[in-house]
Amino acid sequence: MSKGCWLPVSEAMTSSKSAELLSVRVVTPVETFYNGPALSLTANNAKGQFDVLPGHAKFIALLTPGDLVFRTSQKDYQFPLKRGLIYVSDDDVLVLANF
């Protein structure tokens, strides 16, 4: 079986990319809910669940109901999201959220 561009989990976790972080900002209509680093972010759009990792391509999507999950080096955060919008560019992630 050809590896192609995919790395086995053990190689992906030890690659130089694993040291990079996302800069995540989650904003609600009334406050900035979170503003800081994260290892990854998981959310839902019309196509289903997706993950954002460091090095992700530019991306914009409407978020559909489901859990918004982001992982930091200290803690995982999980919140039920009613709807929202996500914009990803150069490891910067902006989530406009309605919880």
N, C-alpha and C. Protein backbone atom coordinates (compact mmCIF):
# COMPACT_ATOMS: atom_id res chain seq x y z
N MET A 1 0.85 -1.18 0.00
CA MET A 1 0.00 0.00 0.00
C MET A 1 0.89 1.24 0.00
N SER A 2 0.58 2.18 -0.85
CA SER A 2 1.37 3.41 -0.95
C SER A 2 0.97 4.39 0.13
N LYS A 3 1.98 5.05 0.73
CA LYS A 3 1.69 6.05 1.76
C LYS A 3 1.12 7.32 1.16
N GLY A 4 1.51 7.66 -0.08
CA GLY A 4 1.04 8.91 -0.67
C GLY A 4 1.50 10.07 0.19
N CYS A 5 0.63 11.02 0.42
CA CYS A 5 0.99 12.18 1.24
C CYS A 5 0.55 12.02 2.69
N TRP A 6 -0.05 10.90 3.03
CA TRP A 6 -0.53 10.69 4.39
C TRP A 6 0.58 10.10 5.25
N LEU A 7 0.65 10.52 6.50
CA LEU A 7 1.62 9.98 7.45
C LEU A 7 0.90 9.08 8.44
N PRO A 8 1.50 7.98 8.83
CA PRO A 8 0.91 7.21 9.93
C PRO A 8 0.84 8.09 11.18
N VAL A 9 -0.10 7.79 12.04
CA VAL A 9 -0.30 8.62 13.23
C VAL A 9 0.98 8.82 14.01
N SER A 10 1.78 7.79 14.19
CA SER A 10 3.00 7.92 14.97
C SER A 10 3.97 8.90 14.33
N GLU A 11 4.08 8.91 12.98
CA GLU A 11 4.95 9.87 12.30
C GLU A 11 4.37 11.27 12.34
N ALA A 12 3.07 11.39 12.18
CA ALA A 12 2.44 12.71 12.19
C ALA A 12 2.61 13.39 13.54
N MET A 13 2.54 12.61 14.61
CA MET A 13 2.64 13.19 15.95
C MET A 13 4.06 13.63 16.28
N THR A 14 5.06 13.08 15.58
CA THR A 14 6.44 13.45 15.89
C THR A 14 7.04 14.37 14.84
N SER A 15 6.26 14.75 13.83
CA SER A 15 6.80 15.63 12.80
C SER A 15 6.99 17.03 13.36
N SER A 16 7.72 17.87 12.63
CA SER A 16 7.96 19.24 13.10
C SER A 16 6.67 20.04 13.18
N LYS A 17 5.65 19.66 12.40
CA LYS A 17 4.37 20.36 12.44
C LYS A 17 3.69 20.24 13.80
N SER A 18 3.97 19.17 14.57
CA SER A 18 3.28 18.96 15.83
C SER A 18 3.59 20.05 16.85
N ALA A 19 4.70 20.78 16.65
CA ALA A 19 5.07 21.84 17.58
C ALA A 19 4.31 23.13 17.29
N GLU A 20 3.71 23.24 16.11
CA GLU A 20 2.99 24.46 15.75
C GLU A 20 1.63 24.49 16.44
N LEU A 21 1.15 25.72 16.64
CA LEU A 21 -0.15 25.92 17.27
C LEU A 21 -1.02 26.81 16.40
N LEU A 22 -2.30 26.66 16.59
CA LEU A 22 -3.27 27.58 16.01
C LEU A 22 -3.45 28.76 16.95
N SER A 23 -3.79 29.89 16.41
CA SER A 23 -4.20 31.04 17.22
C SER A 23 -5.72 31.12 17.05
N VAL A 24 -6.46 30.78 18.10
CA VAL A 24 -7.91 30.65 18.02
C VAL A 24 -8.59 31.79 18.77
N ARG A 25 -9.57 32.38 18.10
CA ARG A 25 -10.43 33.40 18.73
C ARG A 25 -11.87 32.97 18.53
N VAL A 26 -12.60 32.78 19.62
CA VAL A 26 -14.02 32.43 19.57
C VAL A 26 -14.78 33.63 20.12
N VAL A 27 -15.61 34.23 19.27
CA VAL A 27 -16.32 35.45 19.62
C VAL A 27 -17.83 35.19 19.56
N THR A 28 -18.54 35.61 20.61
CA THR A 28 -20.00 35.53 20.64
C THR A 28 -20.55 36.94 20.44
N PRO A 29 -21.86 37.08 20.30
CA PRO A 29 -22.43 38.42 20.15
C PRO A 29 -22.15 39.35 21.34
N VAL A 30 -21.82 38.79 22.50
CA VAL A 30 -21.64 39.63 23.69
C VAL A 30 -20.22 39.67 24.25
N GLU A 31 -19.35 38.73 23.84
CA GLU A 31 -18.02 38.71 24.43
C GLU A 31 -17.05 37.89 23.58
N THR A 32 -15.77 38.10 23.84
CA THR A 32 -14.75 37.20 23.30
C THR A 32 -14.67 36.03 24.26
N PHE A 33 -15.08 34.89 23.80
CA PHE A 33 -15.21 33.70 24.63
C PHE A 33 -13.85 33.06 24.89
N TYR A 34 -13.00 33.02 23.87
CA TYR A 34 -11.65 32.44 24.02
C TYR A 34 -10.73 33.15 23.03
N ASN A 35 -9.52 33.43 23.47
CA ASN A 35 -8.52 34.04 22.61
C ASN A 35 -7.17 33.50 23.05
N GLY A 36 -6.65 32.51 22.31
CA GLY A 36 -5.38 31.92 22.71
C GLY A 36 -4.96 30.79 21.80
N PRO A 37 -3.91 30.09 22.19
CA PRO A 37 -3.39 29.00 21.35
C PRO A 37 -4.22 27.73 21.48
N ALA A 38 -4.17 26.93 20.44
CA ALA A 38 -4.83 25.62 20.46
C ALA A 38 -4.06 24.66 19.56
N LEU A 39 -4.14 23.39 19.91
CA LEU A 39 -3.52 22.35 19.10
C LEU A 39 -4.38 21.99 17.90
N SER A 40 -5.71 22.02 18.09
CA SER A 40 -6.64 21.67 17.02
C SER A 40 -8.02 22.21 17.37
N LEU A 41 -8.89 22.20 16.36
CA LEU A 41 -10.28 22.62 16.55
C LEU A 41 -11.15 21.70 15.72
N THR A 42 -12.29 21.30 16.26
CA THR A 42 -13.25 20.44 15.57
C THR A 42 -14.61 21.11 15.59
N ALA A 43 -15.29 21.10 14.44
CA ALA A 43 -16.63 21.71 14.34
C ALA A 43 -17.40 20.98 13.25
N ASN A 44 -18.63 21.43 13.00
CA ASN A 44 -19.50 20.84 11.98
C ASN A 44 -19.93 21.88 10.97
N ASN A 45 -20.00 21.47 9.70
CA ASN A 45 -20.62 22.29 8.67
C ASN A 45 -21.60 21.41 7.90
N ALA A 46 -22.13 21.90 6.79
CA ALA A 46 -23.15 21.16 6.04
C ALA A 46 -22.64 19.82 5.52
N LYS A 47 -21.34 19.68 5.35
CA LYS A 47 -20.75 18.42 4.86
C LYS A 47 -20.44 17.44 5.98
N GLY A 48 -20.49 17.89 7.23
CA GLY A 48 -20.19 17.01 8.35
C GLY A 48 -19.12 17.59 9.26
N GLN A 49 -18.57 16.74 10.09
CA GLN A 49 -17.56 17.17 11.07
C GLN A 49 -16.21 17.35 10.37
N PHE A 50 -15.46 18.36 10.79
CA PHE A 50 -14.14 18.60 10.24
C PHE A 50 -13.20 19.06 11.35
N ASP A 51 -11.91 18.90 11.09
CA ASP A 51 -10.86 19.33 12.02
C ASP A 51 -10.00 20.39 11.36
N VAL A 52 -9.50 21.31 12.18
CA VAL A 52 -8.53 22.30 11.73
C VAL A 52 -7.27 22.06 12.54
N LEU A 53 -6.16 21.86 11.83
CA LEU A 53 -4.85 21.64 12.44
C LEU A 53 -3.89 22.70 11.92
N PRO A 54 -2.77 22.91 12.60
CA PRO A 54 -1.78 23.85 12.07
C PRO A 54 -1.41 23.50 10.63
N GLY A 55 -1.29 24.53 9.79
CA GLY A 55 -0.98 24.32 8.39
C GLY A 55 -2.19 24.13 7.50
N HIS A 56 -3.40 24.24 8.06
CA HIS A 56 -4.64 24.06 7.29
C HIS A 56 -4.72 25.11 6.18
N ALA A 57 -5.30 24.73 5.06
CA ALA A 57 -5.52 25.66 3.96
C ALA A 57 -6.51 26.74 4.38
N LYS A 58 -6.48 27.88 3.67
CA LYS A 58 -7.48 28.92 3.94
C LYS A 58 -8.86 28.31 3.77
N PHE A 59 -9.78 28.74 4.65
CA PHE A 59 -11.06 28.05 4.74
C PHE A 59 -12.07 28.99 5.36
N ILE A 60 -13.28 29.00 4.82
CA ILE A 60 -14.39 29.73 5.43
C ILE A 60 -15.63 28.86 5.29
N ALA A 61 -16.43 28.79 6.35
CA ALA A 61 -17.62 27.93 6.31
C ALA A 61 -18.64 28.40 7.32
N LEU A 62 -19.89 28.13 7.00
CA LEU A 62 -20.97 28.30 7.97
C LEU A 62 -20.97 27.07 8.86
N LEU A 63 -21.07 27.28 10.15
CA LEU A 63 -21.10 26.18 11.10
C LEU A 63 -22.53 25.79 11.41
N THR A 64 -22.76 24.51 11.51
CA THR A 64 -24.09 23.98 11.80
C THR A 64 -24.11 23.47 13.25
N PRO A 65 -25.29 23.19 13.78
CA PRO A 65 -25.37 22.73 15.17
C PRO A 65 -24.50 21.50 15.42
N GLY A 66 -23.87 21.52 16.56
CA GLY A 66 -22.99 20.43 16.97
C GLY A 66 -21.99 20.96 17.98
N ASP A 67 -21.09 20.12 18.39
CA ASP A 67 -20.10 20.54 19.38
C ASP A 67 -18.94 21.27 18.71
N LEU A 68 -18.54 22.37 19.31
CA LEU A 68 -17.31 23.07 18.97
C LEU A 68 -16.28 22.59 19.98
N VAL A 69 -15.20 21.98 19.50
CA VAL A 69 -14.18 21.43 20.38
C VAL A 69 -12.84 22.02 19.98
N PHE A 70 -12.11 22.55 20.94
CA PHE A 70 -10.72 22.91 20.66
C PHE A 70 -9.86 22.43 21.80
N ARG A 71 -8.66 22.01 21.41
CA ARG A 71 -7.74 21.38 22.35
C ARG A 71 -6.54 22.28 22.57
N THR A 72 -6.20 22.50 23.83
CA THR A 72 -4.99 23.23 24.18
C THR A 72 -4.03 22.25 24.85
N SER A 73 -2.85 22.71 25.17
CA SER A 73 -1.90 21.81 25.83
C SER A 73 -2.34 21.44 27.24
N GLN A 74 -3.21 22.26 27.86
CA GLN A 74 -3.67 21.98 29.21
C GLN A 74 -5.05 21.33 29.30
N LYS A 75 -5.91 21.60 28.30
CA LYS A 75 -7.31 21.24 28.47
C LYS A 75 -8.02 21.13 27.12
N ASP A 76 -9.07 20.31 27.08
CA ASP A 76 -9.97 20.27 25.93
C ASP A 76 -11.23 21.04 26.29
N TYR A 77 -11.68 21.89 25.38
CA TYR A 77 -12.91 22.65 25.58
C TYR A 77 -13.96 22.10 24.62
N GLN A 78 -15.18 21.89 25.12
CA GLN A 78 -16.26 21.37 24.29
C GLN A 78 -17.55 22.13 24.63
N PHE A 79 -18.16 22.72 23.60
CA PHE A 79 -19.36 23.51 23.81
C PHE A 79 -20.38 23.21 22.71
N PRO A 80 -21.66 23.12 23.07
CA PRO A 80 -22.69 22.94 22.04
C PRO A 80 -22.88 24.25 21.28
N LEU A 81 -22.75 24.17 19.98
CA LEU A 81 -22.87 25.35 19.12
C LEU A 81 -24.19 25.30 18.36
N LYS A 82 -24.92 26.39 18.36
CA LYS A 82 -26.17 26.46 17.59
C LYS A 82 -25.87 26.74 16.12
N ARG A 83 -25.01 27.72 15.89
CA ARG A 83 -24.60 28.08 14.54
C ARG A 83 -23.42 29.03 14.64
N GLY A 84 -22.80 29.28 13.50
CA GLY A 84 -21.67 30.18 13.51
C GLY A 84 -20.99 30.25 12.16
N LEU A 85 -19.83 30.89 12.18
CA LEU A 85 -19.01 31.05 10.99
C LEU A 85 -17.56 30.84 11.40
N ILE A 86 -16.78 30.17 10.56
CA ILE A 86 -15.37 29.96 10.85
C ILE A 86 -14.55 30.48 9.68
N TYR A 87 -13.45 31.15 10.02
CA TYR A 87 -12.51 31.63 9.02
C TYR A 87 -11.12 31.18 9.45
N VAL A 88 -10.41 30.47 8.57
CA VAL A 88 -9.06 29.97 8.85
C VAL A 88 -8.11 30.55 7.82
N SER A 89 -7.00 31.14 8.30
CA SER A 89 -5.97 31.67 7.41
C SER A 89 -4.65 31.72 8.16
N ASP A 90 -3.63 31.07 7.61
CA ASP A 90 -2.27 31.12 8.19
C ASP A 90 -2.25 30.76 9.68
N ASP A 91 -2.88 29.69 10.06
CA ASP A 91 -2.93 29.20 11.44
C ASP A 91 -3.71 30.12 12.39
N ASP A 92 -4.38 31.13 11.84
CA ASP A 92 -5.29 31.98 12.63
C ASP A 92 -6.71 31.49 12.37
N VAL A 93 -7.44 31.25 13.46
CA VAL A 93 -8.81 30.75 13.35
C VAL A 93 -9.74 31.71 14.08
N LEU A 94 -10.73 32.21 13.36
CA LEU A 94 -11.75 33.07 13.96
C LEU A 94 -13.08 32.35 13.87
N VAL A 95 -13.73 32.16 15.01
CA VAL A 95 -15.05 31.54 15.07
C VAL A 95 -16.03 32.59 15.60
N LEU A 96 -17.03 32.92 14.78
CA LEU A 96 -18.14 33.76 15.24
C LEU A 96 -19.22 32.79 15.65
N ALA A 97 -19.50 32.73 16.94
CA ALA A 97 -20.31 31.64 17.49
C ALA A 97 -21.59 32.13 18.14
N ASN A 98 -22.62 31.31 18.02
CA ASN A 98 -23.87 31.49 18.76
C ASN A 98 -24.09 30.19 19.52
N PHE A 99 -23.88 30.27 20.85
CA PHE A 99 -24.01 29.07 21.68
C PHE A 99 -25.43 28.84 22.10
